[in-house]
């Protein structure tokens, strides 16, 4: 999908980058909140994180990875056992199907190795651009923008784009930042969305970028009331 993005306004670029610098100072430990040790594990946990929380995935994934640590092992896994391991996460049949098919594809098409190119990753069953960018940015150190629900909500709230299509959002925000900043930008916004800029009741009065946000006032602006909404970690 080719997306034509007009050159962004200079003032918008400066404001967006200033917000990211402040968020970087606010969340110095920002990172992927899914646990993994290599590219294959990163791919697996990201795929099974759909429609559930990172904490639940981190609780369930060690047993899954221990049982099937490689694409070859997972491709040959008994469906019933994998469904049992994924049961606590919900949508376990669909997730089992995705893992079996993508593992088989890795073995058959990529020699059992996770590819480090976006075009190759999105060819894998159950892998879209969001998952591919998570893997590129966090497992391979390559620039990637992760447009999840938090990211999309925040960039629209902050007036960086009006786009709602994830691919268009990705390209629009990519035009505001240097590629080297894309992965950490994703972490900063996702952490901010999980901890302060909530969907229904953002903690506007306790927000470090309030003075730069055109949506200030959507949530409580009183500092004491807003501070009660701030969490120290993402949703359970």
Protein backbone atom coordinates (compact mmCIF):
# COMPACT_ATOMS: atom_id res chain seq x y z
CA UNK A 1 0.00 0.00 0.00
CA UNK A 2 1.64 3.21 -1.19
CA UNK A 3 0.73 6.22 0.91
CA UNK A 4 1.34 9.77 -0.27
CA UNK A 5 2.09 12.04 2.69
CA UNK A 6 2.46 15.80 2.18
CA UNK A 7 5.45 17.50 3.76
CA UNK A 8 4.43 18.30 7.36
CA UNK A 9 4.29 21.81 8.75
CA UNK A 10 7.55 22.86 10.42
CA UNK A 11 5.77 24.06 13.56
CA UNK A 12 4.04 20.68 13.89
CA UNK A 13 7.35 18.85 13.51
CA UNK A 14 8.93 20.97 16.25
CA UNK A 15 5.98 20.52 18.62
CA UNK A 16 5.84 16.77 18.03
CA UNK A 17 9.54 16.33 18.64
CA UNK A 18 9.41 18.47 21.78
CA UNK A 19 6.59 16.32 23.13
CA UNK A 20 8.61 13.19 22.44
CA UNK A 21 11.63 14.64 24.26
CA UNK A 22 9.49 15.38 27.31
CA UNK A 23 7.95 11.90 27.24
CA UNK A 24 11.44 10.40 26.98
CA UNK A 25 12.38 12.23 30.20
CA UNK A 26 9.09 11.19 31.85
CA UNK A 27 9.47 7.52 30.93
CA UNK A 28 13.23 6.81 30.87
CA UNK A 29 12.57 3.07 31.21
CA UNK A 30 10.12 2.90 28.30
CA UNK A 31 10.49 -0.35 26.37
CA UNK A 32 8.48 -3.23 25.02
CA UNK A 33 6.50 -4.66 27.93
CA UNK A 34 6.37 -8.14 26.44
CA UNK A 35 9.14 -10.50 27.57
CA UNK A 36 11.31 -12.19 24.94
CA UNK A 37 14.92 -13.23 24.38
CA UNK A 38 15.24 -13.38 20.58
CA UNK A 39 13.46 -12.51 17.34
CA UNK A 40 11.37 -15.69 17.24
CA UNK A 41 10.15 -15.20 20.80
CA UNK A 42 9.41 -11.54 20.03
CA UNK A 43 7.33 -12.58 17.04
CA UNK A 44 5.45 -15.25 19.00
CA UNK A 45 4.57 -13.11 22.02
CA UNK A 46 3.50 -10.20 19.83
CA UNK A 47 1.17 -12.40 17.79
CA UNK A 48 -0.48 -13.89 20.89
CA UNK A 49 -0.81 -10.49 22.60
CA UNK A 50 -3.84 -9.58 20.47
CA UNK A 51 -7.00 -8.95 22.52
CA UNK A 52 -5.23 -9.50 25.83
CA UNK A 53 -2.75 -7.77 28.12
CA UNK A 54 1.03 -7.92 28.13
CA UNK A 55 1.00 -9.15 31.71
CA UNK A 56 -1.14 -12.16 30.82
CA UNK A 57 1.09 -12.93 27.85
CA UNK A 58 4.20 -12.72 30.02
CA UNK A 59 2.61 -15.16 32.46
CA UNK A 60 1.65 -17.68 29.78
CA UNK A 61 4.51 -17.42 27.29
CA UNK A 62 7.34 -19.07 29.31
CA UNK A 63 5.63 -22.46 29.22
CA UNK A 64 4.88 -22.05 25.51
CA UNK A 65 8.46 -21.07 24.66
CA UNK A 66 9.91 -23.81 26.85
CA UNK A 67 7.83 -26.41 25.05
CA UNK A 68 8.42 -25.05 21.54
CA UNK A 69 11.55 -22.84 21.53
CA UNK A 70 12.20 -22.88 17.77
CA UNK A 71 10.12 -22.55 14.60
CA UNK A 72 10.85 -26.21 13.83
CA UNK A 73 9.55 -27.34 17.22
CA UNK A 74 6.50 -25.11 17.09
CA UNK A 75 5.62 -26.13 13.54
CA UNK A 76 5.39 -29.74 14.75
CA UNK A 77 3.50 -28.95 17.96
CA UNK A 78 0.30 -30.88 18.72
CA UNK A 79 -2.58 -28.45 18.29
CA UNK A 80 -4.33 -29.64 21.44
CA UNK A 81 -1.30 -28.97 23.64
CA UNK A 82 -0.73 -25.52 22.19
CA UNK A 83 -4.39 -24.62 22.66
CA UNK A 84 -4.09 -25.71 26.28
CA UNK A 85 -1.05 -23.45 26.80
CA UNK A 86 -2.75 -20.50 25.11
CA UNK A 87 -6.13 -21.04 26.76
CA UNK A 88 -5.72 -18.33 29.45
CA UNK A 89 -5.20 -15.66 26.76
CA UNK A 90 -8.50 -16.01 24.96
CA UNK A 91 -8.99 -16.59 21.21
CA UNK A 92 -6.67 -19.56 21.78
CA UNK A 93 -7.82 -21.52 18.70
CA UNK A 94 -7.15 -18.59 16.38
CA UNK A 95 -3.80 -17.89 18.04
CA UNK A 96 -2.81 -21.55 17.86
CA UNK A 97 -3.65 -21.58 14.17
CA UNK A 98 -1.56 -18.45 13.57
CA UNK A 99 1.47 -19.80 15.45
CA UNK A 100 1.38 -23.16 13.69
CA UNK A 101 1.08 -21.57 10.26
CA UNK A 102 3.70 -18.86 10.80
CA UNK A 103 6.17 -21.39 12.26
CA UNK A 104 5.65 -23.64 9.25
CA UNK A 105 6.19 -20.67 6.95
CA UNK A 106 9.40 -19.73 8.78
CA UNK A 107 10.71 -23.29 8.32
CA UNK A 108 9.62 -23.67 4.71
CA UNK A 109 10.28 -20.19 3.36
CA UNK A 110 13.01 -18.71 5.57
CA UNK A 111 15.11 -21.64 6.73
CA UNK A 112 13.77 -21.44 10.28
CA UNK A 113 14.94 -17.83 10.72
CA UNK A 114 12.76 -14.78 11.39
CA UNK A 115 13.28 -12.41 8.46
CA UNK A 116 14.49 -8.89 9.21
CA UNK A 117 12.56 -7.16 6.42
CA UNK A 118 9.08 -5.68 6.67
CA UNK A 119 8.01 -7.06 3.30
CA UNK A 120 8.96 -10.59 4.38
CA UNK A 121 7.47 -10.37 7.86
CA UNK A 122 4.02 -9.30 6.65
CA UNK A 123 3.88 -12.37 4.40
CA UNK A 124 3.82 -14.59 7.48
CA UNK A 125 0.36 -15.83 8.57
CA UNK A 126 -1.10 -13.69 11.35
CA UNK A 127 1.54 -10.97 10.97
CA UNK A 128 0.48 -7.44 10.01
CA UNK A 129 2.46 -4.22 9.87
CA UNK A 130 2.04 -3.54 13.60
CA UNK A 131 3.53 -6.90 14.59
CA UNK A 132 6.23 -6.60 11.93
CA UNK A 133 7.29 -3.18 13.20
CA UNK A 134 7.42 -4.47 16.79
CA UNK A 135 9.80 -7.21 15.67
CA UNK A 136 11.91 -4.91 13.49
CA UNK A 137 12.30 -2.27 16.17
CA UNK A 138 12.74 -4.47 19.23
CA UNK A 139 14.40 -7.64 17.95
CA UNK A 140 16.49 -6.28 15.08
CA UNK A 141 17.08 -2.66 16.06
CA UNK A 142 15.60 -1.42 12.79
CA UNK A 143 13.29 1.63 12.69
CA UNK A 144 9.64 0.74 13.15
CA UNK A 145 6.49 2.58 14.23
CA UNK A 146 4.03 0.48 16.21
CA UNK A 147 0.52 1.81 15.61
CA UNK A 148 -1.53 0.15 18.35
CA UNK A 149 -4.70 1.57 19.89
CA UNK A 150 -2.75 3.76 22.33
CA UNK A 151 -0.45 5.15 19.66
CA UNK A 152 -3.30 5.97 17.27
CA UNK A 153 -5.37 7.61 19.99
CA UNK A 154 -2.52 9.80 21.23
CA UNK A 155 -1.29 11.07 17.87
CA UNK A 156 -4.82 12.16 17.02
CA UNK A 157 -5.32 13.76 20.45
CA UNK A 158 -2.08 15.64 20.08
CA UNK A 159 -3.08 16.88 16.65
CA UNK A 160 -0.24 15.18 14.82
CA UNK A 161 -2.61 13.59 12.29
CA UNK A 162 -6.30 13.10 11.64
CA UNK A 163 -5.77 9.75 9.94
CA UNK A 164 -7.44 6.67 11.39
CA UNK A 165 -6.10 3.99 9.05
CA UNK A 166 -3.07 2.44 10.82
CA UNK A 167 -0.91 2.43 7.69
CA UNK A 168 -1.66 6.08 6.98
CA UNK A 169 -1.01 6.94 10.62
CA UNK A 170 2.33 5.14 10.44
CA UNK A 171 3.42 7.12 7.39
CA UNK A 172 2.09 10.44 8.68
CA UNK A 173 3.95 10.15 11.98
CA UNK A 174 7.03 8.77 10.28
CA UNK A 175 7.22 12.04 8.35
CA UNK A 176 7.49 14.02 11.62
CA UNK A 177 10.44 12.10 13.06
CA UNK A 178 13.80 10.78 11.96
CA UNK A 179 13.71 7.00 11.44
CA UNK A 180 16.22 6.50 14.27
CA UNK A 181 13.54 7.80 16.68
CA UNK A 182 10.61 5.68 15.49
CA UNK A 183 10.97 2.70 17.82
CA UNK A 184 11.45 4.72 21.00
CA UNK A 185 8.72 7.16 19.96
CA UNK A 186 6.36 4.18 19.84
CA UNK A 187 7.37 3.14 23.35
CA UNK A 188 7.01 6.68 24.72
CA UNK A 189 3.49 7.12 23.35
CA UNK A 190 2.33 3.63 24.33
CA UNK A 191 3.63 4.07 27.88
CA UNK A 192 1.99 7.50 28.10
CA UNK A 193 -1.29 6.10 26.79
CA UNK A 194 -1.26 3.30 29.34
CA UNK A 195 -0.28 5.42 32.31
CA UNK A 196 -1.72 8.91 31.84
CA UNK A 197 -3.46 9.59 28.54
CA UNK A 198 -6.24 7.03 29.06
CA UNK A 199 -8.96 6.55 26.48
CA UNK A 200 -11.95 7.60 28.59
CA UNK A 201 -10.47 9.75 31.33
CA UNK A 202 -6.97 11.06 30.64
CA UNK A 203 -5.03 12.59 33.53
CA UNK A 204 -4.73 16.00 31.88
CA UNK A 205 -3.88 17.84 35.09
CA UNK A 206 -0.94 15.52 35.71
CA UNK A 207 0.35 15.40 32.14
CA UNK A 208 3.92 16.54 31.41
CA UNK A 209 2.98 17.68 27.90
CA UNK A 210 -0.32 19.38 28.80
CA UNK A 211 0.77 22.83 27.61
CA UNK A 212 1.63 21.40 24.18
CA UNK A 213 -1.51 19.30 23.76
CA UNK A 214 -4.52 20.74 21.88
CA UNK A 215 -6.79 18.24 23.68
CA UNK A 216 -5.96 19.47 27.18
CA UNK A 217 -9.17 19.42 29.20
CA UNK A 218 -10.61 16.19 27.80
CA UNK A 219 -9.89 14.73 31.22
CA UNK A 220 -9.69 16.29 34.72
CA UNK A 221 -7.41 19.32 34.81
CA UNK A 222 -7.20 19.60 38.59
CA UNK A 223 -3.71 18.28 39.49
CA UNK A 224 -4.86 16.41 42.60
CA UNK A 225 -7.80 14.75 40.86
CA UNK A 226 -5.72 13.96 37.79
CA UNK A 227 -2.87 12.45 39.79
CA UNK A 228 -5.27 9.82 41.12
CA UNK A 229 -5.68 8.57 37.54
CA UNK A 230 -1.96 8.06 36.94
CA UNK A 231 -0.80 4.45 37.01
CA UNK A 232 2.72 3.14 37.38
CA UNK A 233 2.28 0.40 34.81
CA UNK A 234 0.06 -0.61 31.95
CA UNK A 235 -3.31 -2.34 32.37
CA UNK A 236 -3.29 -5.79 33.94
